[in-house]
């Protein structure tokens, strides 16, 4: 008995000594609703999320998970841009090559702006006061005046863009997934200024930015995150992530970058120095949870998930089961050391 008691004490001591994981799921909101989803875009000052859901954009309160409203009239919803200075939101309608402008208070559509084929991600660049879409199949970016809701121009990018990020200095960056490059756009002149390879990363899709250290984080379908010095225009290092990445974020307060992956992981990467990074956690999430949003004001990560039905012949994934769509709230673990 004395040996057993001693073994139990040792086991308890070992468990107590193990470091707690940096992040944990603190809440899960069941949102329901039909259809798949795409980008999760936080409206940080108002602590609400814009979630693309095929034919609409859901607007969800971060604190309660309550559905505040929906932006309707969208055919192929992907991304949302929030322009607080004009009170307008912009949602890509990829299947009809357009962007829906809507009121940020009522969520009512105000107009439709022509874009280009496969209008997908969309961002607001505060420095230039312009909205930029990234049109995958058209290999272009549509530039919009957010006050008037008018098309300014379309910029040829020389490759298929996925997500992008503004640097805050008049430059906008985007991943080109088919050429495995990052492209730099001069937002004021609406021209391509530079491009560089993301090798050894292939198929960069998601993007986040660290404006203080001038670093870009490109989540790549080849299973790595490529970190670029966007002043020098080159990749400084890569870090392994999960498979099927589609979302990324960087929290300057913690120095942590995130990659949300379809294989059921959220990879957390810590920045030890601008050119030195390490994986500190692969948080388990449901399969297919490849989209995320990060609120930099409260440092919460939001990851969407659902349950799926049988995969149809020739398909990659089954339909979302009715009522199963949900949102996980992921926060730093107070017990983490």
C-alpha atoms as a PDB file:
ATOM      1  CA  UNK A   1       0.000   0.000   0.000  1.00  0.00           C
ATOM      2  CA  UNK A   2       2.902   2.321   0.832  1.00  0.00           C
ATOM      3  CA  UNK A   3       4.306   1.836  -2.715  1.00  0.00           C
ATOM      4  CA  UNK A   4       0.914   2.558  -4.297  1.00  0.00           C
ATOM      5  CA  UNK A   5       0.453   5.725  -2.238  1.00  0.00           C
ATOM      6  CA  UNK A   6       3.947   6.914  -3.202  1.00  0.00           C
ATOM      7  CA  UNK A   7       3.233   6.236  -6.890  1.00  0.00           C
ATOM      8  CA  UNK A   8       0.009   8.215  -6.668  1.00  0.00           C
ATOM      9  CA  UNK A   9       1.833  11.144  -5.087  1.00  0.00           C
ATOM     10  CA  UNK A  10       4.436  11.079  -7.854  1.00  0.00           C
ATOM     11  CA  UNK A  11       1.732  10.950 -10.530  1.00  0.00           C
ATOM     12  CA  UNK A  12      -0.131  13.879  -8.968  1.00  0.00           C
ATOM     13  CA  UNK A  13       3.090  15.869  -8.741  1.00  0.00           C
ATOM     14  CA  UNK A  14       3.887  15.150 -12.395  1.00  0.00           C
ATOM     15  CA  UNK A  15       0.435  16.267 -13.512  1.00  0.00           C
ATOM     16  CA  UNK A  16       0.665  19.439 -11.450  1.00  0.00           C
ATOM     17  CA  UNK A  17       4.042  20.237 -12.992  1.00  0.00           C
ATOM     18  CA  UNK A  18       2.747  20.039 -16.582  1.00  0.00           C
ATOM     19  CA  UNK A  19       2.256  23.469 -18.173  1.00  0.00           C
ATOM     20  CA  UNK A  20      -1.317  24.428 -18.958  1.00  0.00           C
ATOM     21  CA  UNK A  21      -2.073  24.999 -22.664  1.00  0.00           C
ATOM     22  CA  UNK A  22      -1.968  28.694 -23.640  1.00  0.00           C
ATOM     23  CA  UNK A  23      -5.496  28.757 -25.114  1.00  0.00           C
ATOM     24  CA  UNK A  24      -8.782  27.010 -24.464  1.00  0.00           C
ATOM     25  CA  UNK A  25     -12.358  27.019 -25.752  1.00  0.00           C
ATOM     26  CA  UNK A  26     -14.384  28.991 -23.206  1.00  0.00           C
ATOM     27  CA  UNK A  27     -17.800  29.098 -24.882  1.00  0.00           C
ATOM     28  CA  UNK A  28     -19.645  27.665 -27.846  1.00  0.00           C
ATOM     29  CA  UNK A  29     -22.640  29.430 -29.400  1.00  0.00           C
ATOM     30  CA  UNK A  30     -25.067  27.433 -31.516  1.00  0.00           C
ATOM     31  CA  UNK A  31     -26.083  29.815 -34.299  1.00  0.00           C
ATOM     32  CA  UNK A  32     -27.856  27.392 -36.644  1.00  0.00           C
ATOM     33  CA  UNK A  33     -29.031  28.420 -40.073  1.00  0.00           C
ATOM     34  CA  UNK A  34     -28.632  26.717 -43.425  1.00  0.00           C
ATOM     35  CA  UNK A  35     -25.614  26.672 -45.691  1.00  0.00           C
ATOM     36  CA  UNK A  36     -21.858  26.718 -45.423  1.00  0.00           C
ATOM     37  CA  UNK A  37     -19.720  29.655 -44.366  1.00  0.00           C
ATOM     38  CA  UNK A  38     -16.560  31.571 -45.171  1.00  0.00           C
ATOM     39  CA  UNK A  39     -14.753  34.528 -43.577  1.00  0.00           C
ATOM     40  CA  UNK A  40     -15.387  35.616 -39.980  1.00  0.00           C
ATOM     41  CA  UNK A  41     -14.729  39.356 -39.752  1.00  0.00           C
ATOM     42  CA  UNK A  42     -14.730  41.108 -36.350  1.00  0.00           C
ATOM     43  CA  UNK A  43     -16.055  44.643 -35.954  1.00  0.00           C
ATOM     44  CA  UNK A  44     -13.789  45.149 -32.938  1.00  0.00           C
ATOM     45  CA  UNK A  45     -15.052  48.501 -31.567  1.00  0.00           C
ATOM     46  CA  UNK A  46     -18.598  47.121 -31.414  1.00  0.00           C
ATOM     47  CA  UNK A  47     -17.647  43.533 -30.449  1.00  0.00           C
ATOM     48  CA  UNK A  48     -19.674  41.936 -33.189  1.00  0.00           C
ATOM     49  CA  UNK A  49     -18.835  39.498 -35.962  1.00  0.00           C
ATOM     50  CA  UNK A  50     -19.789  39.401 -39.631  1.00  0.00           C
ATOM     51  CA  UNK A  51     -19.983  35.783 -40.813  1.00  0.00           C
ATOM     52  CA  UNK A  52     -20.547  34.964 -44.499  1.00  0.00           C
ATOM     53  CA  UNK A  53     -23.221  32.270 -45.033  1.00  0.00           C
ATOM     54  CA  UNK A  54     -23.678  31.650 -48.790  1.00  0.00           C
ATOM     55  CA  UNK A  55     -26.702  33.906 -49.446  1.00  0.00           C
ATOM     56  CA  UNK A  56     -26.325  36.315 -46.523  1.00  0.00           C
ATOM     57  CA  UNK A  57     -23.993  37.675 -43.838  1.00  0.00           C
ATOM     58  CA  UNK A  58     -24.859  36.937 -40.222  1.00  0.00           C
ATOM     59  CA  UNK A  59     -24.120  39.674 -37.663  1.00  0.00           C
ATOM     60  CA  UNK A  60     -23.422  38.146 -34.238  1.00  0.00           C
ATOM     61  CA  UNK A  61     -22.811  39.725 -30.839  1.00  0.00           C
ATOM     62  CA  UNK A  62     -19.458  38.516 -29.490  1.00  0.00           C
ATOM     63  CA  UNK A  63     -20.499  38.574 -25.847  1.00  0.00           C
ATOM     64  CA  UNK A  64     -23.810  36.707 -26.050  1.00  0.00           C
ATOM     65  CA  UNK A  65     -23.747  34.862 -29.373  1.00  0.00           C
ATOM     66  CA  UNK A  66     -27.039  36.587 -30.223  1.00  0.00           C
ATOM     67  CA  UNK A  67     -27.914  37.075 -33.884  1.00  0.00           C
ATOM     68  CA  UNK A  68     -28.209  40.860 -34.296  1.00  0.00           C
ATOM     69  CA  UNK A  69     -29.356  40.732 -37.896  1.00  0.00           C
ATOM     70  CA  UNK A  70     -28.438  39.623 -41.405  1.00  0.00           C
ATOM     71  CA  UNK A  71     -27.325  41.258 -44.624  1.00  0.00           C
ATOM     72  CA  UNK A  72     -29.406  39.640 -47.351  1.00  0.00           C
ATOM     73  CA  UNK A  73     -29.457  39.674 -51.136  1.00  0.00           C
ATOM     74  CA  UNK A  74     -26.031  38.070 -51.539  1.00  0.00           C
ATOM     75  CA  UNK A  75     -25.257  35.341 -54.045  1.00  0.00           C
ATOM     76  CA  UNK A  76     -22.135  33.555 -52.911  1.00  0.00           C
ATOM     77  CA  UNK A  77     -21.114  35.341 -49.684  1.00  0.00           C
ATOM     78  CA  UNK A  78     -17.407  35.319 -48.839  1.00  0.00           C
ATOM     79  CA  UNK A  79     -15.930  38.406 -47.180  1.00  0.00           C
ATOM     80  CA  UNK A  80     -17.012  41.563 -45.370  1.00  0.00           C
ATOM     81  CA  UNK A  81     -15.281  44.919 -44.967  1.00  0.00           C
ATOM     82  CA  UNK A  82     -16.330  47.317 -42.197  1.00  0.00           C
ATOM     83  CA  UNK A  83     -15.827  51.034 -42.872  1.00  0.00           C
ATOM     84  CA  UNK A  84     -16.662  52.864 -39.664  1.00  0.00           C
ATOM     85  CA  UNK A  85     -15.812  56.301 -41.095  1.00  0.00           C
ATOM     86  CA  UNK A  86     -18.699  56.133 -43.577  1.00  0.00           C
ATOM     87  CA  UNK A  87     -21.068  53.829 -41.666  1.00  0.00           C
ATOM     88  CA  UNK A  88     -21.013  51.371 -44.545  1.00  0.00           C
ATOM     89  CA  UNK A  89     -20.244  47.685 -44.796  1.00  0.00           C
ATOM     90  CA  UNK A  90     -19.279  45.835 -47.971  1.00  0.00           C
ATOM     91  CA  UNK A  91     -19.930  42.141 -48.659  1.00  0.00           C
ATOM     92  CA  UNK A  92     -18.666  40.217 -51.660  1.00  0.00           C
ATOM     93  CA  UNK A  93     -21.287  38.447 -53.751  1.00  0.00           C
ATOM     94  CA  UNK A  94     -18.992  36.100 -55.626  1.00  0.00           C
ATOM     95  CA  UNK A  95     -21.466  34.264 -57.822  1.00  0.00           C
ATOM     96  CA  UNK A  96     -22.691  37.429 -59.510  1.00  0.00           C
ATOM     97  CA  UNK A  97     -19.348  39.256 -59.522  1.00  0.00           C
ATOM     98  CA  UNK A  98     -20.446  42.125 -57.313  1.00  0.00           C
ATOM     99  CA  UNK A  99     -20.186  43.759 -53.891  1.00  0.00           C
ATOM    100  CA  UNK A 100     -23.203  44.648 -51.752  1.00  0.00           C
ATOM    101  CA  UNK A 101     -22.895  47.908 -49.811  1.00  0.00           C
ATOM    102  CA  UNK A 102     -25.008  47.981 -46.637  1.00  0.00           C
ATOM    103  CA  UNK A 103     -25.774  50.160 -43.622  1.00  0.00           C
ATOM    104  CA  UNK A 104     -23.754  49.195 -40.543  1.00  0.00           C
ATOM    105  CA  UNK A 105     -26.612  50.042 -38.173  1.00  0.00           C
ATOM    106  CA  UNK A 106     -29.624  48.548 -39.947  1.00  0.00           C
ATOM    107  CA  UNK A 107     -27.766  45.981 -42.123  1.00  0.00           C
ATOM    108  CA  UNK A 108     -30.014  47.021 -45.012  1.00  0.00           C
ATOM    109  CA  UNK A 109     -28.464  46.835 -48.513  1.00  0.00           C
ATOM    110  CA  UNK A 110     -27.758  50.260 -50.024  1.00  0.00           C
ATOM    111  CA  UNK A 111     -26.485  49.316 -53.445  1.00  0.00           C
ATOM    112  CA  UNK A 112     -24.580  46.849 -55.601  1.00  0.00           C
ATOM    113  CA  UNK A 113     -21.142  47.556 -57.059  1.00  0.00           C
ATOM    114  CA  UNK A 114     -19.704  45.630 -60.011  1.00  0.00           C
ATOM    115  CA  UNK A 115     -16.543  43.696 -59.187  1.00  0.00           C
ATOM    116  CA  UNK A 116     -15.121  40.746 -61.132  1.00  0.00           C
ATOM    117  CA  UNK A 117     -15.293  36.972 -61.405  1.00  0.00           C
ATOM    118  CA  UNK A 118     -14.970  35.118 -58.090  1.00  0.00           C
ATOM    119  CA  UNK A 119     -15.054  38.213 -55.852  1.00  0.00           C
ATOM    120  CA  UNK A 120     -13.907  36.646 -52.597  1.00  0.00           C
ATOM    121  CA  UNK A 121     -12.043  38.397 -49.756  1.00  0.00           C
ATOM    122  CA  UNK A 122     -12.501  42.122 -49.146  1.00  0.00           C
ATOM    123  CA  UNK A 123     -10.687  44.587 -46.866  1.00  0.00           C
ATOM    124  CA  UNK A 124     -10.703  48.279 -45.945  1.00  0.00           C
ATOM    125  CA  UNK A 125      -7.471  50.268 -46.131  1.00  0.00           C
ATOM    126  CA  UNK A 126      -7.795  53.223 -43.778  1.00  0.00           C
ATOM    127  CA  UNK A 127      -4.663  54.977 -45.076  1.00  0.00           C
ATOM    128  CA  UNK A 128      -6.059  55.413 -48.590  1.00  0.00           C
ATOM    129  CA  UNK A 129      -9.720  55.405 -47.588  1.00  0.00           C
ATOM    130  CA  UNK A 130     -10.462  52.662 -50.109  1.00  0.00           C
ATOM    131  CA  UNK A 131     -11.974  49.176 -50.141  1.00  0.00           C
ATOM    132  CA  UNK A 132     -10.210  46.357 -51.998  1.00  0.00           C
ATOM    133  CA  UNK A 133     -11.705  43.054 -53.121  1.00  0.00           C
ATOM    134  CA  UNK A 134      -9.628  40.060 -54.141  1.00  0.00           C
ATOM    135  CA  UNK A 135     -11.150  38.362 -57.173  1.00  0.00           C
ATOM    136  CA  UNK A 136      -9.785  34.825 -57.455  1.00  0.00           C
ATOM    137  CA  UNK A 137     -10.659  33.651 -60.948  1.00  0.00           C
ATOM    138  CA  UNK A 138     -10.323  37.157 -62.406  1.00  0.00           C
ATOM    139  CA  UNK A 139      -6.775  37.515 -60.984  1.00  0.00           C
ATOM    140  CA  UNK A 140      -7.588  41.064 -59.943  1.00  0.00           C
ATOM    141  CA  UNK A 141      -8.505  43.467 -57.154  1.00  0.00           C
ATOM    142  CA  UNK A 142     -11.520  45.763 -57.389  1.00  0.00           C
ATOM    143  CA  UNK A 143     -11.042  49.178 -55.774  1.00  0.00           C
ATOM    144  CA  UNK A 144     -14.139  50.906 -54.315  1.00  0.00           C
ATOM    145  CA  UNK A 145     -14.828  54.349 -52.861  1.00  0.00           C
ATOM    146  CA  UNK A 146     -16.609  53.454 -49.571  1.00  0.00           C
ATOM    147  CA  UNK A 147     -18.362  56.808 -49.261  1.00  0.00           C
ATOM    148  CA  UNK A 148     -20.073  56.911 -52.641  1.00  0.00           C
ATOM    149  CA  UNK A 149     -20.110  53.167 -53.176  1.00  0.00           C
ATOM    150  CA  UNK A 150     -18.622  53.619 -56.649  1.00  0.00           C
ATOM    151  CA  UNK A 151     -16.155  51.462 -58.537  1.00  0.00           C
ATOM    152  CA  UNK A 152     -12.766  53.171 -58.934  1.00  0.00           C
ATOM    153  CA  UNK A 153     -10.826  50.597 -60.940  1.00  0.00           C
ATOM    154  CA  UNK A 154      -9.743  46.967 -61.261  1.00  0.00           C
ATOM    155  CA  UNK A 155      -6.072  46.125 -60.682  1.00  0.00           C
ATOM    156  CA  UNK A 156      -4.569  43.122 -62.554  1.00  0.00           C
ATOM    157  CA  UNK A 157      -2.544  41.109 -60.027  1.00  0.00           C
ATOM    158  CA  UNK A 158      -0.912  38.456 -62.201  1.00  0.00           C
ATOM    159  CA  UNK A 159      -2.215  35.567 -60.133  1.00  0.00           C
ATOM    160  CA  UNK A 160      -5.157  34.247 -58.117  1.00  0.00           C
ATOM    161  CA  UNK A 161      -5.541  36.286 -54.922  1.00  0.00           C
ATOM    162  CA  UNK A 162      -6.863  34.899 -51.664  1.00  0.00           C
ATOM    163  CA  UNK A 163      -6.803  36.953 -48.446  1.00  0.00           C
ATOM    164  CA  UNK A 164      -4.966  40.239 -47.925  1.00  0.00           C
ATOM    165  CA  UNK A 165      -4.056  42.837 -45.313  1.00  0.00           C
ATOM    166  CA  UNK A 166      -3.461  46.598 -45.179  1.00  0.00           C
ATOM    167  CA  UNK A 167      -0.183  47.757 -43.644  1.00  0.00           C
ATOM    168  CA  UNK A 168      -1.540  51.135 -42.556  1.00  0.00           C
ATOM    169  CA  UNK A 169       1.010  53.056 -44.629  1.00  0.00           C
ATOM    170  CA  UNK A 170      -0.755  53.073 -47.982  1.00  0.00           C
ATOM    171  CA  UNK A 171       0.361  49.572 -48.964  1.00  0.00           C
ATOM    172  CA  UNK A 172      -1.944  46.557 -49.244  1.00  0.00           C
ATOM    173  CA  UNK A 173      -0.680  42.966 -49.419  1.00  0.00           C
ATOM    174  CA  UNK A 174      -2.336  39.835 -50.808  1.00  0.00           C
ATOM    175  CA  UNK A 175      -1.458  36.178 -51.247  1.00  0.00           C
ATOM    176  CA  UNK A 176      -1.436  34.782 -54.796  1.00  0.00           C
ATOM    177  CA  UNK A 177      -2.250  31.133 -54.270  1.00  0.00           C
ATOM    178  CA  UNK A 178      -1.586  29.789 -57.784  1.00  0.00           C
ATOM    179  CA  UNK A 179       1.849  31.419 -58.172  1.00  0.00           C
ATOM    180  CA  UNK A 180       2.838  31.124 -54.483  1.00  0.00           C
ATOM    181  CA  UNK A 181       3.631  34.806 -54.145  1.00  0.00           C
ATOM    182  CA  UNK A 182       2.822  37.861 -52.071  1.00  0.00           C
ATOM    183  CA  UNK A 183       1.852  40.936 -54.084  1.00  0.00           C
ATOM    184  CA  UNK A 184       2.212  44.506 -52.802  1.00  0.00           C
ATOM    185  CA  UNK A 185      -0.358  47.055 -53.972  1.00  0.00           C
ATOM    186  CA  UNK A 186       0.113  50.810 -53.791  1.00  0.00           C
ATOM    187  CA  UNK A 187      -3.338  51.716 -52.527  1.00  0.00           C
ATOM    188  CA  UNK A 188      -3.323  55.343 -53.673  1.00  0.00           C
ATOM    189  CA  UNK A 189      -2.136  54.749 -57.231  1.00  0.00           C
ATOM    190  CA  UNK A 190      -3.989  51.405 -57.476  1.00  0.00           C
ATOM    191  CA  UNK A 191      -0.993  49.668 -59.011  1.00  0.00           C
ATOM    192  CA  UNK A 192       1.143  46.624 -58.182  1.00  0.00           C
ATOM    193  CA  UNK A 193       4.404  47.827 -56.654  1.00  0.00           C
ATOM    194  CA  UNK A 194       6.260  44.558 -55.897  1.00  0.00           C
ATOM    195  CA  UNK A 195       5.896  40.815 -55.561  1.00  0.00           C
ATOM    196  CA  UNK A 196       7.967  38.056 -53.988  1.00  0.00           C
ATOM    197  CA  UNK A 197       7.927  34.277 -53.699  1.00  0.00           C
ATOM    198  CA  UNK A 198       6.640  32.535 -50.575  1.00  0.00           C
ATOM    199  CA  UNK A 199       8.838  29.462 -51.228  1.00  0.00           C
ATOM    200  CA  UNK A 200       9.114  26.950 -49.666  1.00  0.00           C
ATOM    201  CA  UNK A 201       5.449  27.655 -48.861  1.00  0.00           C
ATOM    202  CA  UNK A 202       3.048  26.624 -51.609  1.00  0.00           C
ATOM    203  CA  UNK A 203      -0.529  27.861 -52.091  1.00  0.00           C
ATOM    204  CA  UNK A 204      -0.614  30.744 -49.587  1.00  0.00           C
ATOM    205  CA  UNK A 205      -4.216  31.553 -48.679  1.00  0.00           C
ATOM    206  CA  UNK A 206      -4.820  33.194 -45.285  1.00  0.00           C
ATOM    207  CA  UNK A 207      -2.978  36.322 -44.176  1.00  0.00           C
ATOM    208  CA  UNK A 208      -2.353  38.343 -41.025  1.00  0.00           C
ATOM    209  CA  UNK A 209      -0.022  41.252 -40.324  1.00  0.00           C
ATOM    210  CA  UNK A 210       2.290  42.564 -37.600  1.00  0.00           C
ATOM    211  CA  UNK A 211       2.605  46.256 -38.387  1.00  0.00           C
ATOM    212  CA  UNK A 212       5.100  46.960 -35.609  1.00  0.00           C
ATOM    213  CA  UNK A 213       7.740  44.552 -36.893  1.00  0.00           C
ATOM    214  CA  UNK A 214       6.666  44.686 -40.571  1.00  0.00           C
ATOM    215  CA  UNK A 215       5.874  40.989 -40.804  1.00  0.00           C
ATOM    216  CA  UNK A 216       3.239  39.161 -42.853  1.00  0.00           C
ATOM    217  CA  UNK A 217       1.892  35.739 -41.900  1.00  0.00           C
ATOM    218  CA  UNK A 218       0.771  33.638 -44.890  1.00  0.00           C
ATOM    219  CA  UNK A 219      -1.035  30.392 -44.066  1.00  0.00           C
ATOM    220  CA  UNK A 220      -0.149  27.897 -46.785  1.00  0.00           C
ATOM    221  CA  UNK A 221      -1.972  24.794 -47.950  1.00  0.00           C
ATOM    222  CA  UNK A 222       1.401  23.015 -48.064  1.00  0.00           C
ATOM    223  CA  UNK A 223       1.272  22.818 -44.256  1.00  0.00           C
ATOM    224  CA  UNK A 224       3.396  25.771 -43.187  1.00  0.00           C
ATOM    225  CA  UNK A 225       2.983  29.416 -42.263  1.00  0.00           C
ATOM    226  CA  UNK A 226       5.399  31.643 -44.175  1.00  0.00           C
ATOM    227  CA  UNK A 227       6.526  34.773 -42.343  1.00  0.00           C
ATOM    228  CA  UNK A 228       7.672  37.608 -44.624  1.00  0.00           C
ATOM    229  CA  UNK A 229       9.531  40.826 -43.942  1.00  0.00           C
ATOM    230  CA  UNK A 230       7.375  43.082 -46.089  1.00  0.00           C
ATOM    231  CA  UNK A 231       9.877  45.925 -46.072  1.00  0.00           C
ATOM    232  CA  UNK A 232      12.599  43.694 -47.519  1.00  0.00           C
ATOM    233  CA  UNK A 233      10.144  41.691 -49.621  1.00  0.00           C
ATOM    234  CA  UNK A 234      11.212  38.184 -48.668  1.00  0.00           C
ATOM    235  CA  UNK A 235      10.313  35.192 -46.490  1.00  0.00           C
ATOM    236  CA  UNK A 236      12.367  35.059 -43.286  1.00  0.00           C
ATOM    237  CA  UNK A 237      11.146  31.699 -41.935  1.00  0.00           C
ATOM    238  CA  UNK A 238       8.382  29.093 -42.036  1.00  0.00           C
ATOM    239  CA  UNK A 239       6.619  27.250 -39.216  1.00  0.00           C
ATOM    240  CA  UNK A 240       4.569  24.026 -39.462  1.00  0.00           C
ATOM    241  CA  UNK A 241       0.774  24.310 -39.161  1.00  0.00           C
ATOM    242  CA  UNK A 242      -2.192  21.986 -39.620  1.00  0.00           C
ATOM    243  CA  UNK A 243      -3.663  20.874 -42.954  1.00  0.00           C
ATOM    244  CA  UNK A 244      -6.294  22.816 -44.875  1.00  0.00           C
ATOM    245  CA  UNK A 245      -5.632  26.289 -43.463  1.00  0.00           C
ATOM    246  CA  UNK A 246      -8.056  29.062 -44.436  1.00  0.00           C
ATOM    247  CA  UNK A 247      -7.836  31.600 -41.581  1.00  0.00           C
ATOM    248  CA  UNK A 248      -5.052  33.500 -39.829  1.00  0.00           C
ATOM    249  CA  UNK A 249      -4.584  36.189 -37.192  1.00  0.00           C
ATOM    250  CA  UNK A 250      -1.908  37.987 -35.207  1.00  0.00           C
ATOM    251  CA  UNK A 251      -2.387  39.353 -31.694  1.00  0.00           C
ATOM    252  CA  UNK A 252       0.234  42.017 -31.024  1.00  0.00           C
ATOM    253  CA  UNK A 253      -0.425  42.001 -27.270  1.00  0.00           C
ATOM    254  CA  UNK A 254       0.545  38.361 -26.818  1.00  0.00           C
ATOM    255  CA  UNK A 255       2.890  38.070 -29.800  1.00  0.00           C
ATOM    256  CA  UNK A 256       0.905  35.054 -30.995  1.00  0.00           C
ATOM    257  CA  UNK A 257      -0.052  34.204 -34.566  1.00  0.00           C
ATOM    258  CA  UNK A 258      -2.869  31.768 -35.368  1.00  0.00           C
ATOM    259  CA  UNK A 259      -3.770  29.422 -38.210  1.00  0.00           C
ATOM    260  CA  UNK A 260      -7.206  27.769 -38.307  1.00  0.00           C
ATOM    261  CA  UNK A 261      -7.095  24.468 -40.174  1.00  0.00           C
ATOM    262  CA  UNK A 262      -9.663  22.127 -41.695  1.00  0.00           C
ATOM    263  CA  UNK A 263      -7.976  19.105 -40.078  1.00  0.00           C
ATOM    264  CA  UNK A 264      -9.416  20.152 -36.712  1.00  0.00           C
ATOM    265  CA  UNK A 265      -6.597  22.223 -35.251  1.00  0.00           C
ATOM    266  CA  UNK A 266      -5.903  25.832 -34.367  1.00  0.00           C
ATOM    267  CA  UNK A 267      -2.130  26.263 -34.540  1.00  0.00           C
ATOM    268  CA  UNK A 268      -0.760  28.871 -32.116  1.00  0.00           C
ATOM    269  CA  UNK A 269       2.664  30.292 -32.999  1.00  0.00           C
ATOM    270  CA  UNK A 270       4.626  32.532 -30.642  1.00  0.00           C
ATOM    271  CA  UNK A 271       6.870  35.311 -31.886  1.00  0.00           C
ATOM    272  CA  UNK A 272      10.098  35.123 -29.856  1.00  0.00           C
ATOM    273  CA  UNK A 273      11.689  37.745 -32.123  1.00  0.00           C
ATOM    274  CA  UNK A 274      10.695  39.249 -35.503  1.00  0.00           C
ATOM    275  CA  UNK A 275      12.512  36.423 -37.322  1.00  0.00           C
ATOM    276  CA  UNK A 276      12.135  33.653 -34.716  1.00  0.00           C
ATOM    277  CA  UNK A 277       8.903  31.697 -34.106  1.00  0.00           C
ATOM    278  CA  UNK A 278       7.782  28.460 -32.493  1.00  0.00           C
ATOM    279  CA  UNK A 279       4.571  26.451 -32.271  1.00  0.00           C
ATOM    280  CA  UNK A 280       3.255  26.547 -28.699  1.00  0.00           C
ATOM    281  CA  UNK A 281      -0.063  24.748 -29.186  1.00  0.00           C
ATOM    282  CA  UNK A 282      -2.254  22.846 -31.620  1.00  0.00           C
ATOM    283  CA  UNK A 283      -5.678  23.340 -30.050  1.00  0.00           C
ATOM    284  CA  UNK A 284      -8.187  20.670 -31.037  1.00  0.00           C
ATOM    285  CA  UNK A 285     -11.232  21.969 -32.933  1.00  0.00           C
ATOM    286  CA  UNK A 286     -13.959  20.164 -34.904  1.00  0.00           C
ATOM    287  CA  UNK A 287     -13.070  18.865 -38.350  1.00  0.00           C
ATOM    288  CA  UNK A 288     -13.692  21.494 -41.011  1.00  0.00           C
ATOM    289  CA  UNK A 289     -13.123  24.468 -38.677  1.00  0.00           C
ATOM    290  CA  UNK A 290     -10.859  26.327 -41.060  1.00  0.00           C
ATOM    291  CA  UNK A 291     -12.143  29.904 -40.650  1.00  0.00           C
ATOM    292  CA  UNK A 292     -11.389  32.269 -37.775  1.00  0.00           C
ATOM    293  CA  UNK A 293     -11.605  35.874 -36.669  1.00  0.00           C
ATOM    294  CA  UNK A 294      -9.501  37.692 -34.054  1.00  0.00           C
ATOM    295  CA  UNK A 295     -10.736  40.644 -32.016  1.00  0.00           C
ATOM    296  CA  UNK A 296      -7.576  42.600 -31.106  1.00  0.00           C
ATOM    297  CA  UNK A 297      -9.339  44.567 -28.359  1.00  0.00           C
ATOM    298  CA  UNK A 298     -10.219  41.553 -26.198  1.00  0.00           C
ATOM    299  CA  UNK A 299      -7.758  39.071 -27.781  1.00  0.00           C
ATOM    300  CA  UNK A 300     -10.445  36.465 -28.395  1.00  0.00           C
ATOM    301  CA  UNK A 301     -10.295  34.073 -31.327  1.00  0.00           C
ATOM    302  CA  UNK A 302     -13.556  32.973 -32.942  1.00  0.00           C
ATOM    303  CA  UNK A 303     -13.713  29.730 -34.920  1.00  0.00           C
ATOM    304  CA  UNK A 304     -16.754  28.433 -36.813  1.00  0.00           C
ATOM    305  CA  UNK A 305     -17.773  24.792 -37.038  1.00  0.00           C
ATOM    306  CA  UNK A 306     -20.686  22.557 -38.001  1.00  0.00           C
ATOM    307  CA  UNK A 307     -21.697  18.953 -38.430  1.00  0.00           C
ATOM    308  CA  UNK A 308     -21.823  17.563 -41.936  1.00  0.00           C
ATOM    309  CA  UNK A 309     -23.963  15.017 -43.725  1.00  0.00           C
ATOM    310  CA  UNK A 310     -22.723  12.268 -46.076  1.00  0.00           C
ATOM    311  CA  UNK A 311     -20.321  13.359 -48.805  1.00  0.00           C
ATOM    312  CA  UNK A 312     -22.067  13.241 -52.216  1.00  0.00           C
ATOM    313  CA  UNK A 313     -20.491  11.395 -55.132  1.00  0.00           C
ATOM    314  CA  UNK A 314     -17.602  13.426 -56.479  1.00  0.00           C
ATOM    315  CA  UNK A 315     -17.804  15.930 -53.606  1.00  0.00           C
ATOM    316  CA  UNK A 316     -15.243  16.909 -50.980  1.00  0.00           C
ATOM    317  CA  UNK A 317     -17.577  17.504 -48.050  1.00  0.00           C
ATOM    318  CA  UNK A 318     -21.158  16.755 -47.129  1.00  0.00           C
ATOM    319  CA  UNK A 319     -23.829  19.406 -46.575  1.00  0.00           C
ATOM    320  CA  UNK A 320     -24.046  21.290 -43.282  1.00  0.00           C
ATOM    321  CA  UNK A 321     -26.641  19.579 -41.098  1.00  0.00           C
ATOM    322  CA  UNK A 322     -29.541  21.896 -40.226  1.00  0.00           C
ATOM    323  CA  UNK A 323     -29.129  23.723 -36.929  1.00  0.00           C
ATOM    324  CA  UNK A 324     -25.539  22.530 -36.358  1.00  0.00           C
ATOM    325  CA  UNK A 325     -23.598  25.665 -37.272  1.00  0.00           C
ATOM    326  CA  UNK A 326     -21.795  27.020 -34.203  1.00  0.00           C
ATOM    327  CA  UNK A 327     -19.136  29.463 -33.086  1.00  0.00           C
ATOM    328  CA  UNK A 328     -16.376  28.703 -30.593  1.00  0.00           C
ATOM    329  CA  UNK A 329     -14.862  31.425 -28.403  1.00  0.00           C
ATOM    330  CA  UNK A 330     -11.169  30.753 -27.712  1.00  0.00           C
ATOM    331  CA  UNK A 331      -9.304  32.705 -25.033  1.00  0.00           C
ATOM    332  CA  UNK A 332      -5.973  32.668 -23.242  1.00  0.00           C
ATOM    333  CA  UNK A 333      -5.871  30.221 -20.368  1.00  0.00           C
ATOM    334  CA  UNK A 334      -5.363  32.092 -17.064  1.00  0.00           C
ATOM    335  CA  UNK A 335      -3.601  29.020 -15.693  1.00  0.00           C
ATOM    336  CA  UNK A 336      -1.047  28.986 -18.518  1.00  0.00           C
ATOM    337  CA  UNK A 337       2.510  29.765 -17.492  1.00  0.00           C
END
